[in-house]
Amino acid sequence: MPNRINKGPEIYDPDALRVEYTRSERENMTRFVSGRNNQGTRKFSLRILLLDILLLCIIGGVIYPFIVGSNKTGKLDGISCDLSLRSDDETLYISLTMENPADGTVPEAVEVEFFINGQSVEKISDLTPNPGEYRTIRFKMKRDGEKIGVNVIMNKGEESLKLNAAAAAI
C-alpha cells in the first residue's frame, strides 16, 4: 500500500480509488493544519488593503505636492527666488520674490522675463536686493478662464534660473 499524504479519518479502498468521509468528519475539517478558519485570513487581507490605501494617500497628499511644486522656487547666485500665482474670476496676480541672505552678495543687475502661455509679456531689468533684504516684483493680467502657464527666466551674469507655475481654470 502506498504512503498516503493525508492522514485524515477516511475510508480507503485501493480497488475503488476514492476516499469517503462521513458528514460529521467533513464538518469538523478545516483547510489549515493549525485549525485557522477563513475569517482570520479575511481580516488580514483587509488590513493589508487599508495599509495600501493609507500609503497611496501619503504619497498623493504629502510627497506629490513637493515634486510638483519644486520648480516654483530656486536659487540664483545664492539669492532665493520664489514664484507665486493667485487668481480670482477675472484677474491673475503674479508675484516674484527675491531674497538675499544676510551674508549674501552685493546687489547686481538681474534680468527677469515673464512668459505667459509661451509668449513674452514683461521684461524687467532690476537690481537684486541688498544683503539681508528681499524684493518683490508683482503684476497682474486679465485671465480668460483657461489654464495659464507662467514661466520666468532670470539671468544674472552668466547664471540663469527658470521657474514655472500654472493657474487652472476656475
N, C-alpha and C. Protein backbone atom coordinates (compact mmCIF):
# COMPACT_ATOMS: atom_id res chain seq x y z
N MET A 1 0.84 -1.17 0.00
CA MET A 1 0.00 0.00 0.00
C MET A 1 0.89 1.24 0.00
N PRO A 2 0.60 2.23 -0.89
CA PRO A 2 1.43 3.43 -0.98
C PRO A 2 1.23 4.31 0.25
N ASN A 3 2.26 5.15 0.52
CA ASN A 3 2.17 6.10 1.63
C ASN A 3 1.16 7.19 1.28
N ARG A 4 0.26 7.44 2.19
CA ARG A 4 -0.75 8.47 1.97
C ARG A 4 -0.27 9.78 2.59
N ILE A 5 -0.50 10.90 1.89
CA ILE A 5 -0.12 12.21 2.39
C ILE A 5 -1.12 12.67 3.44
N ASN A 6 -2.39 12.54 3.15
CA ASN A 6 -3.43 12.97 4.07
C ASN A 6 -3.70 11.85 5.05
N LYS A 7 -3.46 12.08 6.31
CA LYS A 7 -3.66 11.06 7.32
C LYS A 7 -5.01 11.22 8.02
N GLY A 8 -5.98 11.78 7.34
CA GLY A 8 -7.28 12.06 7.93
C GLY A 8 -8.11 10.80 8.13
N PRO A 9 -9.26 10.95 8.77
CA PRO A 9 -10.12 9.80 9.07
C PRO A 9 -10.97 9.43 7.85
N GLU A 10 -10.39 8.72 6.91
CA GLU A 10 -11.13 8.35 5.71
C GLU A 10 -11.20 6.83 5.57
N ILE A 11 -12.08 6.42 4.73
CA ILE A 11 -12.19 5.00 4.39
C ILE A 11 -11.49 4.85 3.05
N TYR A 12 -10.47 3.99 3.00
CA TYR A 12 -9.66 3.88 1.79
C TYR A 12 -9.86 2.50 1.18
N ASP A 13 -10.21 2.49 -0.06
CA ASP A 13 -10.38 1.23 -0.78
C ASP A 13 -9.51 1.29 -2.02
N PRO A 14 -8.39 0.52 -2.09
CA PRO A 14 -7.49 0.61 -3.24
C PRO A 14 -8.14 0.22 -4.56
N ASP A 15 -9.18 -0.61 -4.53
CA ASP A 15 -9.83 -1.01 -5.79
C ASP A 15 -10.76 0.09 -6.32
N ALA A 16 -11.38 0.85 -5.45
CA ALA A 16 -12.34 1.85 -5.88
C ALA A 16 -11.66 3.18 -6.23
N LEU A 17 -10.44 3.42 -5.73
CA LEU A 17 -9.70 4.66 -5.98
C LEU A 17 -10.49 5.90 -5.59
N ARG A 18 -11.13 5.86 -4.46
CA ARG A 18 -11.83 7.02 -3.97
C ARG A 18 -11.77 7.03 -2.45
N VAL A 19 -11.95 8.24 -1.90
CA VAL A 19 -11.90 8.43 -0.47
C VAL A 19 -13.24 8.97 -0.03
N GLU A 20 -13.78 8.42 1.04
CA GLU A 20 -15.08 8.86 1.52
C GLU A 20 -14.94 9.33 2.96
N TYR A 21 -15.63 10.44 3.27
CA TYR A 21 -15.68 10.98 4.61
C TYR A 21 -17.12 10.97 5.07
N THR A 22 -17.32 10.84 6.35
CA THR A 22 -18.68 10.97 6.87
C THR A 22 -19.01 12.45 6.97
N ARG A 23 -20.29 12.76 7.10
CA ARG A 23 -20.73 14.14 7.17
C ARG A 23 -20.13 14.86 8.38
N SER A 24 -20.10 14.24 9.51
CA SER A 24 -19.55 14.88 10.71
C SER A 24 -18.05 15.11 10.56
N GLU A 25 -17.33 14.22 9.88
CA GLU A 25 -15.89 14.41 9.66
C GLU A 25 -15.64 15.60 8.74
N ARG A 26 -16.45 15.75 7.70
CA ARG A 26 -16.29 16.88 6.78
C ARG A 26 -16.60 18.21 7.46
N GLU A 27 -17.58 18.24 8.34
CA GLU A 27 -17.92 19.46 9.04
C GLU A 27 -16.83 19.89 10.02
N ASN A 28 -16.10 18.96 10.57
CA ASN A 28 -15.04 19.26 11.53
C ASN A 28 -13.70 19.60 10.87
N MET A 29 -13.56 19.34 9.60
CA MET A 29 -12.29 19.59 8.91
C MET A 29 -12.12 21.09 8.66
N THR A 30 -10.87 21.53 8.71
CA THR A 30 -10.52 22.89 8.32
C THR A 30 -9.51 22.82 7.20
N ARG A 31 -9.36 23.90 6.51
CA ARG A 31 -8.41 23.92 5.39
C ARG A 31 -6.98 23.95 5.89
N PHE A 32 -6.74 24.56 7.05
CA PHE A 32 -5.40 24.77 7.55
C PHE A 32 -5.08 23.77 8.65
N VAL A 33 -3.83 23.40 8.74
CA VAL A 33 -3.40 22.41 9.72
C VAL A 33 -3.54 22.95 11.13
N SER A 34 -3.26 24.25 11.33
CA SER A 34 -3.30 24.83 12.67
C SER A 34 -4.72 25.05 13.17
N GLY A 35 -5.71 24.81 12.34
CA GLY A 35 -7.08 24.98 12.76
C GLY A 35 -7.63 26.35 12.47
N ARG A 36 -6.90 27.20 11.74
CA ARG A 36 -7.40 28.53 11.39
C ARG A 36 -8.58 28.39 10.45
N ASN A 37 -9.48 29.30 10.55
CA ASN A 37 -10.55 29.33 9.58
C ASN A 37 -10.34 30.51 8.64
N ASN A 38 -11.21 30.69 7.71
CA ASN A 38 -11.04 31.71 6.67
C ASN A 38 -11.28 33.12 7.19
N GLN A 39 -11.95 33.31 8.33
CA GLN A 39 -12.22 34.64 8.86
C GLN A 39 -10.93 35.38 9.18
N GLY A 40 -9.94 34.74 9.76
CA GLY A 40 -8.66 35.39 10.08
C GLY A 40 -7.95 35.87 8.83
N THR A 41 -8.04 35.11 7.76
CA THR A 41 -7.41 35.50 6.50
C THR A 41 -8.09 36.72 5.92
N ARG A 42 -9.41 36.80 6.04
CA ARG A 42 -10.13 37.97 5.52
C ARG A 42 -9.74 39.23 6.28
N LYS A 43 -9.64 39.12 7.60
CA LYS A 43 -9.26 40.29 8.40
C LYS A 43 -7.85 40.74 8.06
N PHE A 44 -6.95 39.79 7.85
CA PHE A 44 -5.57 40.12 7.49
C PHE A 44 -5.53 40.80 6.12
N SER A 45 -6.30 40.29 5.17
CA SER A 45 -6.35 40.89 3.83
C SER A 45 -6.92 42.30 3.89
N LEU A 46 -7.91 42.51 4.74
CA LEU A 46 -8.49 43.84 4.88
C LEU A 46 -7.47 44.81 5.47
N ARG A 47 -6.69 44.37 6.43
CA ARG A 47 -5.65 45.22 6.99
C ARG A 47 -4.62 45.61 5.94
N ILE A 48 -4.20 44.67 5.13
CA ILE A 48 -3.23 44.95 4.06
C ILE A 48 -3.83 45.96 3.07
N LEU A 49 -5.09 45.78 2.71
CA LEU A 49 -5.75 46.71 1.80
C LEU A 49 -5.80 48.12 2.39
N LEU A 50 -6.15 48.24 3.66
CA LEU A 50 -6.22 49.55 4.30
C LEU A 50 -4.83 50.19 4.40
N LEU A 51 -3.80 49.41 4.66
CA LEU A 51 -2.44 49.95 4.68
C LEU A 51 -2.01 50.43 3.29
N ASP A 52 -2.41 49.70 2.25
CA ASP A 52 -2.10 50.14 0.88
C ASP A 52 -2.79 51.46 0.56
N ILE A 53 -4.04 51.60 0.95
CA ILE A 53 -4.77 52.84 0.70
C ILE A 53 -4.13 53.99 1.48
N LEU A 54 -3.72 53.74 2.72
CA LEU A 54 -3.06 54.76 3.52
C LEU A 54 -1.74 55.19 2.88
N LEU A 55 -0.99 54.25 2.36
CA LEU A 55 0.27 54.57 1.68
C LEU A 55 0.03 55.43 0.44
N LEU A 56 -1.00 55.10 -0.33
CA LEU A 56 -1.32 55.91 -1.52
C LEU A 56 -1.74 57.32 -1.12
N CYS A 57 -2.47 57.46 -0.02
CA CYS A 57 -2.86 58.79 0.45
C CYS A 57 -1.65 59.60 0.88
N ILE A 58 -0.70 58.95 1.53
CA ILE A 58 0.52 59.65 1.94
C ILE A 58 1.30 60.10 0.73
N ILE A 59 1.43 59.23 -0.25
CA ILE A 59 2.17 59.60 -1.46
C ILE A 59 1.45 60.74 -2.18
N GLY A 60 0.14 60.63 -2.33
CA GLY A 60 -0.62 61.65 -3.05
C GLY A 60 -0.73 62.97 -2.31
N GLY A 61 -0.81 62.93 -1.00
CA GLY A 61 -1.03 64.15 -0.25
C GLY A 61 0.21 64.83 0.27
N VAL A 62 1.29 64.08 0.45
CA VAL A 62 2.48 64.66 1.05
C VAL A 62 3.63 64.75 0.06
N ILE A 63 3.94 63.67 -0.58
CA ILE A 63 5.13 63.63 -1.44
C ILE A 63 4.87 64.30 -2.79
N TYR A 64 3.73 64.04 -3.42
CA TYR A 64 3.46 64.57 -4.75
C TYR A 64 3.48 66.11 -4.82
N PRO A 65 2.89 66.85 -3.86
CA PRO A 65 2.98 68.32 -3.95
C PRO A 65 4.40 68.86 -3.90
N PHE A 66 5.30 68.17 -3.19
CA PHE A 66 6.68 68.63 -3.17
C PHE A 66 7.34 68.43 -4.53
N ILE A 67 6.98 67.35 -5.21
CA ILE A 67 7.55 67.09 -6.53
C ILE A 67 7.00 68.09 -7.54
N VAL A 68 5.70 68.33 -7.52
CA VAL A 68 5.08 69.25 -8.48
C VAL A 68 5.50 70.69 -8.22
N GLY A 69 5.56 71.10 -6.95
CA GLY A 69 5.87 72.48 -6.62
C GLY A 69 7.35 72.80 -6.56
N SER A 70 8.20 71.86 -6.91
CA SER A 70 9.64 72.08 -6.76
C SER A 70 10.20 73.07 -7.77
N ASN A 71 9.48 73.38 -8.85
CA ASN A 71 10.01 74.32 -9.84
C ASN A 71 9.48 75.74 -9.64
N LYS A 72 8.80 76.01 -8.53
CA LYS A 72 8.34 77.37 -8.23
C LYS A 72 9.39 78.15 -7.44
N THR A 73 10.37 77.46 -6.92
CA THR A 73 11.43 78.11 -6.15
C THR A 73 12.78 77.70 -6.69
N GLY A 74 13.78 78.52 -6.42
CA GLY A 74 15.14 78.20 -6.84
C GLY A 74 16.11 79.23 -6.31
N LYS A 75 17.38 79.00 -6.59
CA LYS A 75 18.42 79.93 -6.16
C LYS A 75 19.22 80.38 -7.37
N LEU A 76 19.50 81.66 -7.40
CA LEU A 76 20.31 82.26 -8.45
C LEU A 76 21.45 82.99 -7.77
N ASP A 77 22.63 82.43 -7.82
CA ASP A 77 23.83 83.02 -7.22
C ASP A 77 23.62 83.31 -5.73
N GLY A 78 23.00 82.36 -5.02
CA GLY A 78 22.78 82.49 -3.59
C GLY A 78 21.54 83.26 -3.20
N ILE A 79 20.83 83.82 -4.17
CA ILE A 79 19.60 84.58 -3.90
C ILE A 79 18.41 83.64 -4.09
N SER A 80 17.58 83.51 -3.07
CA SER A 80 16.40 82.65 -3.14
C SER A 80 15.31 83.35 -3.94
N CYS A 81 14.73 82.64 -4.89
CA CYS A 81 13.67 83.19 -5.73
C CYS A 81 12.42 82.32 -5.58
N ASP A 82 11.27 82.98 -5.49
CA ASP A 82 10.01 82.27 -5.29
C ASP A 82 8.95 82.89 -6.19
N LEU A 83 8.31 82.06 -7.01
CA LEU A 83 7.25 82.49 -7.92
C LEU A 83 5.92 82.02 -7.35
N SER A 84 4.95 82.93 -7.26
CA SER A 84 3.63 82.53 -6.78
C SER A 84 2.55 83.16 -7.64
N LEU A 85 1.45 82.43 -7.78
CA LEU A 85 0.31 82.88 -8.57
C LEU A 85 -0.93 82.88 -7.68
N ARG A 86 -1.74 83.88 -7.86
CA ARG A 86 -3.05 83.94 -7.20
C ARG A 86 -4.02 84.47 -8.24
N SER A 87 -5.25 84.00 -8.15
CA SER A 87 -6.21 84.47 -9.16
C SER A 87 -7.61 84.52 -8.58
N ASP A 88 -8.42 85.36 -9.20
CA ASP A 88 -9.85 85.36 -8.93
C ASP A 88 -10.53 85.11 -10.27
N ASP A 89 -11.79 85.43 -10.37
CA ASP A 89 -12.52 85.11 -11.60
C ASP A 89 -11.98 85.81 -12.84
N GLU A 90 -11.50 87.03 -12.69
CA GLU A 90 -11.11 87.81 -13.86
C GLU A 90 -9.64 88.17 -13.92
N THR A 91 -8.90 88.10 -12.82
CA THR A 91 -7.54 88.61 -12.78
C THR A 91 -6.57 87.55 -12.24
N LEU A 92 -5.40 87.51 -12.85
CA LEU A 92 -4.31 86.65 -12.38
C LEU A 92 -3.22 87.54 -11.82
N TYR A 93 -2.82 87.28 -10.57
CA TYR A 93 -1.78 88.06 -9.90
C TYR A 93 -0.51 87.21 -9.86
N ILE A 94 0.57 87.79 -10.37
CA ILE A 94 1.85 87.09 -10.44
C ILE A 94 2.83 87.83 -9.54
N SER A 95 3.56 87.07 -8.72
CA SER A 95 4.48 87.67 -7.76
C SER A 95 5.79 86.89 -7.78
N LEU A 96 6.91 87.60 -7.93
CA LEU A 96 8.24 87.01 -7.89
C LEU A 96 9.00 87.68 -6.75
N THR A 97 9.41 86.87 -5.77
CA THR A 97 10.13 87.40 -4.61
C THR A 97 11.57 86.92 -4.64
N MET A 98 12.51 87.86 -4.51
CA MET A 98 13.94 87.54 -4.43
C MET A 98 14.41 87.91 -3.02
N GLU A 99 15.09 86.98 -2.36
CA GLU A 99 15.57 87.24 -1.01
C GLU A 99 17.07 86.96 -0.94
N ASN A 100 17.82 87.98 -0.50
CA ASN A 100 19.27 87.88 -0.38
C ASN A 100 19.60 87.59 1.09
N PRO A 101 20.33 86.52 1.39
CA PRO A 101 20.66 86.24 2.79
C PRO A 101 21.55 87.33 3.38
N ALA A 102 21.64 87.37 4.72
CA ALA A 102 22.40 88.42 5.40
C ALA A 102 23.87 88.41 5.00
N ASP A 103 24.40 87.25 4.70
CA ASP A 103 25.80 87.16 4.27
C ASP A 103 25.91 87.02 2.75
N GLY A 104 24.90 87.54 2.04
CA GLY A 104 24.83 87.40 0.59
C GLY A 104 25.73 88.35 -0.16
N THR A 105 25.59 88.31 -1.48
CA THR A 105 26.43 89.12 -2.37
C THR A 105 25.89 90.54 -2.47
N VAL A 106 26.71 91.42 -2.98
CA VAL A 106 26.30 92.81 -3.20
C VAL A 106 25.31 92.85 -4.35
N PRO A 107 24.44 93.85 -4.39
CA PRO A 107 23.43 93.91 -5.45
C PRO A 107 24.05 94.02 -6.84
N GLU A 108 23.54 93.21 -7.73
CA GLU A 108 23.92 93.25 -9.15
C GLU A 108 22.65 93.27 -9.97
N ALA A 109 22.79 93.64 -11.22
CA ALA A 109 21.62 93.68 -12.10
C ALA A 109 21.18 92.26 -12.45
N VAL A 110 19.89 92.06 -12.41
CA VAL A 110 19.29 90.78 -12.80
C VAL A 110 18.23 91.09 -13.84
N GLU A 111 18.18 90.26 -14.87
CA GLU A 111 17.20 90.44 -15.93
C GLU A 111 16.12 89.37 -15.77
N VAL A 112 14.89 89.81 -15.66
CA VAL A 112 13.75 88.91 -15.44
C VAL A 112 12.81 89.03 -16.61
N GLU A 113 12.44 87.89 -17.20
CA GLU A 113 11.49 87.89 -18.32
C GLU A 113 10.34 86.94 -17.99
N PHE A 114 9.12 87.44 -18.08
CA PHE A 114 7.92 86.67 -17.78
C PHE A 114 7.29 86.19 -19.08
N PHE A 115 6.97 84.90 -19.14
CA PHE A 115 6.28 84.31 -20.28
C PHE A 115 4.94 83.76 -19.78
N ILE A 116 3.88 84.08 -20.51
CA ILE A 116 2.57 83.54 -20.18
C ILE A 116 2.08 82.77 -21.40
N ASN A 117 1.83 81.48 -21.18
CA ASN A 117 1.45 80.56 -22.26
C ASN A 117 2.43 80.62 -23.43
N GLY A 118 3.72 80.74 -23.11
CA GLY A 118 4.77 80.72 -24.13
C GLY A 118 5.08 82.05 -24.77
N GLN A 119 4.36 83.12 -24.46
CA GLN A 119 4.60 84.43 -25.06
C GLN A 119 5.17 85.38 -24.02
N SER A 120 6.21 86.10 -24.41
CA SER A 120 6.83 87.05 -23.51
C SER A 120 5.89 88.24 -23.29
N VAL A 121 5.64 88.56 -22.01
CA VAL A 121 4.72 89.66 -21.71
C VAL A 121 5.40 90.78 -20.93
N GLU A 122 6.49 90.50 -20.26
CA GLU A 122 7.14 91.51 -19.43
C GLU A 122 8.61 91.18 -19.33
N LYS A 123 9.45 92.22 -19.51
CA LYS A 123 10.90 92.06 -19.36
C LYS A 123 11.38 93.19 -18.46
N ILE A 124 11.99 92.79 -17.33
CA ILE A 124 12.40 93.77 -16.33
C ILE A 124 13.88 93.58 -16.05
N SER A 125 14.60 94.69 -15.98
CA SER A 125 15.99 94.67 -15.54
C SER A 125 16.04 95.42 -14.22
N ASP A 126 16.41 94.71 -13.16
CA ASP A 126 16.34 95.29 -11.82
C ASP A 126 17.57 94.84 -11.03
N LEU A 127 17.81 95.51 -9.92
CA LEU A 127 18.89 95.12 -9.03
C LEU A 127 18.42 94.04 -8.07
N THR A 128 19.31 93.15 -7.72
CA THR A 128 18.98 92.17 -6.69
C THR A 128 18.92 92.90 -5.35
N PRO A 129 18.23 92.36 -4.37
CA PRO A 129 18.12 93.05 -3.08
C PRO A 129 19.45 93.08 -2.34
N ASN A 130 19.57 94.05 -1.44
CA ASN A 130 20.77 94.15 -0.59
C ASN A 130 20.84 92.94 0.34
N PRO A 131 22.03 92.65 0.87
CA PRO A 131 22.15 91.52 1.81
C PRO A 131 21.20 91.70 3.00
N GLY A 132 20.46 90.62 3.31
CA GLY A 132 19.50 90.63 4.41
C GLY A 132 18.14 91.20 4.05
N GLU A 133 17.90 91.54 2.80
CA GLU A 133 16.63 92.13 2.37
C GLU A 133 15.99 91.28 1.29
N TYR A 134 14.75 91.65 0.93
CA TYR A 134 14.08 90.98 -0.17
C TYR A 134 13.41 92.00 -1.07
N ARG A 135 13.15 91.60 -2.29
CA ARG A 135 12.50 92.46 -3.26
C ARG A 135 11.42 91.63 -3.96
N THR A 136 10.27 92.26 -4.19
CA THR A 136 9.16 91.57 -4.83
C THR A 136 8.76 92.32 -6.10
N ILE A 137 8.60 91.55 -7.17
CA ILE A 137 8.13 92.10 -8.45
C ILE A 137 6.73 91.53 -8.66
N ARG A 138 5.74 92.42 -8.82
CA ARG A 138 4.36 91.98 -8.98
C ARG A 138 3.73 92.62 -10.21
N PHE A 139 2.87 91.87 -10.85
CA PHE A 139 1.99 92.46 -11.85
C PHE A 139 0.77 91.57 -12.00
N LYS A 140 -0.24 92.12 -12.66
CA LYS A 140 -1.48 91.37 -12.84
C LYS A 140 -1.88 91.41 -14.30
N MET A 141 -2.71 90.46 -14.67
CA MET A 141 -3.22 90.41 -16.04
C MET A 141 -4.63 89.84 -16.02
N LYS A 142 -5.37 90.14 -17.05
CA LYS A 142 -6.72 89.62 -17.17
C LYS A 142 -6.64 88.17 -17.61
N ARG A 143 -7.44 87.33 -16.99
CA ARG A 143 -7.44 85.91 -17.35
C ARG A 143 -8.68 85.59 -18.17
N ASP A 144 -8.55 84.55 -19.00
CA ASP A 144 -9.63 84.17 -19.90
C ASP A 144 -10.41 82.96 -19.41
N GLY A 145 -10.13 82.46 -18.21
CA GLY A 145 -10.84 81.30 -17.69
C GLY A 145 -10.24 79.98 -18.12
N GLU A 146 -9.09 80.01 -18.76
CA GLU A 146 -8.44 78.78 -19.18
C GLU A 146 -7.21 78.55 -18.31
N LYS A 147 -6.56 77.43 -18.51
CA LYS A 147 -5.34 77.16 -17.76
C LYS A 147 -4.22 78.04 -18.30
N ILE A 148 -3.54 78.71 -17.38
CA ILE A 148 -2.50 79.65 -17.76
C ILE A 148 -1.17 79.15 -17.21
N GLY A 149 -0.19 79.01 -18.08
CA GLY A 149 1.15 78.61 -17.67
C GLY A 149 2.07 79.83 -17.62
N VAL A 150 2.78 79.99 -16.50
CA VAL A 150 3.67 81.13 -16.32
C VAL A 150 5.09 80.60 -16.18
N ASN A 151 5.99 81.12 -17.00
CA ASN A 151 7.41 80.80 -16.93
C ASN A 151 8.18 82.09 -16.67
N VAL A 152 9.18 82.01 -15.82
CA VAL A 152 10.03 83.16 -15.53
C VAL A 152 11.47 82.72 -15.76
N ILE A 153 12.17 83.48 -16.59
CA ILE A 153 13.59 83.21 -16.83
C ILE A 153 14.37 84.38 -16.24
N MET A 154 15.27 84.05 -15.33
CA MET A 154 16.08 85.07 -14.67
C MET A 154 17.53 84.88 -15.07
N ASN A 155 18.20 85.96 -15.43
CA ASN A 155 19.61 85.93 -15.80
C ASN A 155 20.38 86.92 -14.93
N LYS A 156 21.47 86.45 -14.35
CA LYS A 156 22.35 87.30 -13.57
C LYS A 156 23.77 86.91 -13.96
N GLY A 157 24.40 87.79 -14.72
CA GLY A 157 25.73 87.46 -15.24
C GLY A 157 25.62 86.28 -16.20
N GLU A 158 26.36 85.22 -15.91
CA GLU A 158 26.30 84.03 -16.76
C GLU A 158 25.37 82.96 -16.20
N GLU A 159 24.82 83.20 -15.02
CA GLU A 159 23.92 82.22 -14.41
C GLU A 159 22.49 82.49 -14.85
N SER A 160 21.70 81.41 -14.90
CA SER A 160 20.32 81.51 -15.33
C SER A 160 19.45 80.60 -14.46
N LEU A 161 18.20 81.00 -14.27
CA LEU A 161 17.24 80.22 -13.48
C LEU A 161 15.88 80.32 -14.16
N LYS A 162 15.21 79.16 -14.25
CA LYS A 162 13.88 79.12 -14.86
C LYS A 162 12.89 78.61 -13.81
N LEU A 163 11.82 79.37 -13.59
CA LEU A 163 10.75 79.00 -12.66
C LEU A 163 9.45 78.82 -13.44
N ASN A 164 8.63 77.86 -13.02
CA ASN A 164 7.36 77.56 -13.71
C ASN A 164 6.23 77.48 -12.70
N ALA A 165 5.04 77.89 -13.13
CA ALA A 165 3.84 77.73 -12.32
C ALA A 165 2.65 77.72 -13.27
N ALA A 166 1.52 77.21 -12.79
CA ALA A 166 0.32 77.17 -13.62
C ALA A 166 -0.88 77.53 -12.77
N ALA A 167 -1.84 78.23 -13.40
CA ALA A 167 -3.10 78.56 -12.76
C ALA A 167 -4.19 77.86 -13.55
N ALA A 168 -4.95 77.02 -12.87
CA ALA A 168 -6.00 76.26 -13.54
C ALA A 168 -7.24 77.12 -13.74
N ALA A 169 -8.09 76.63 -14.61
CA ALA A 169 -9.35 77.34 -14.89
C ALA A 169 -10.25 77.30 -13.67
N ILE A 170 -10.99 78.36 -13.48
CA ILE A 170 -11.89 78.45 -12.32
C ILE A 170 -13.27 78.05 -12.74
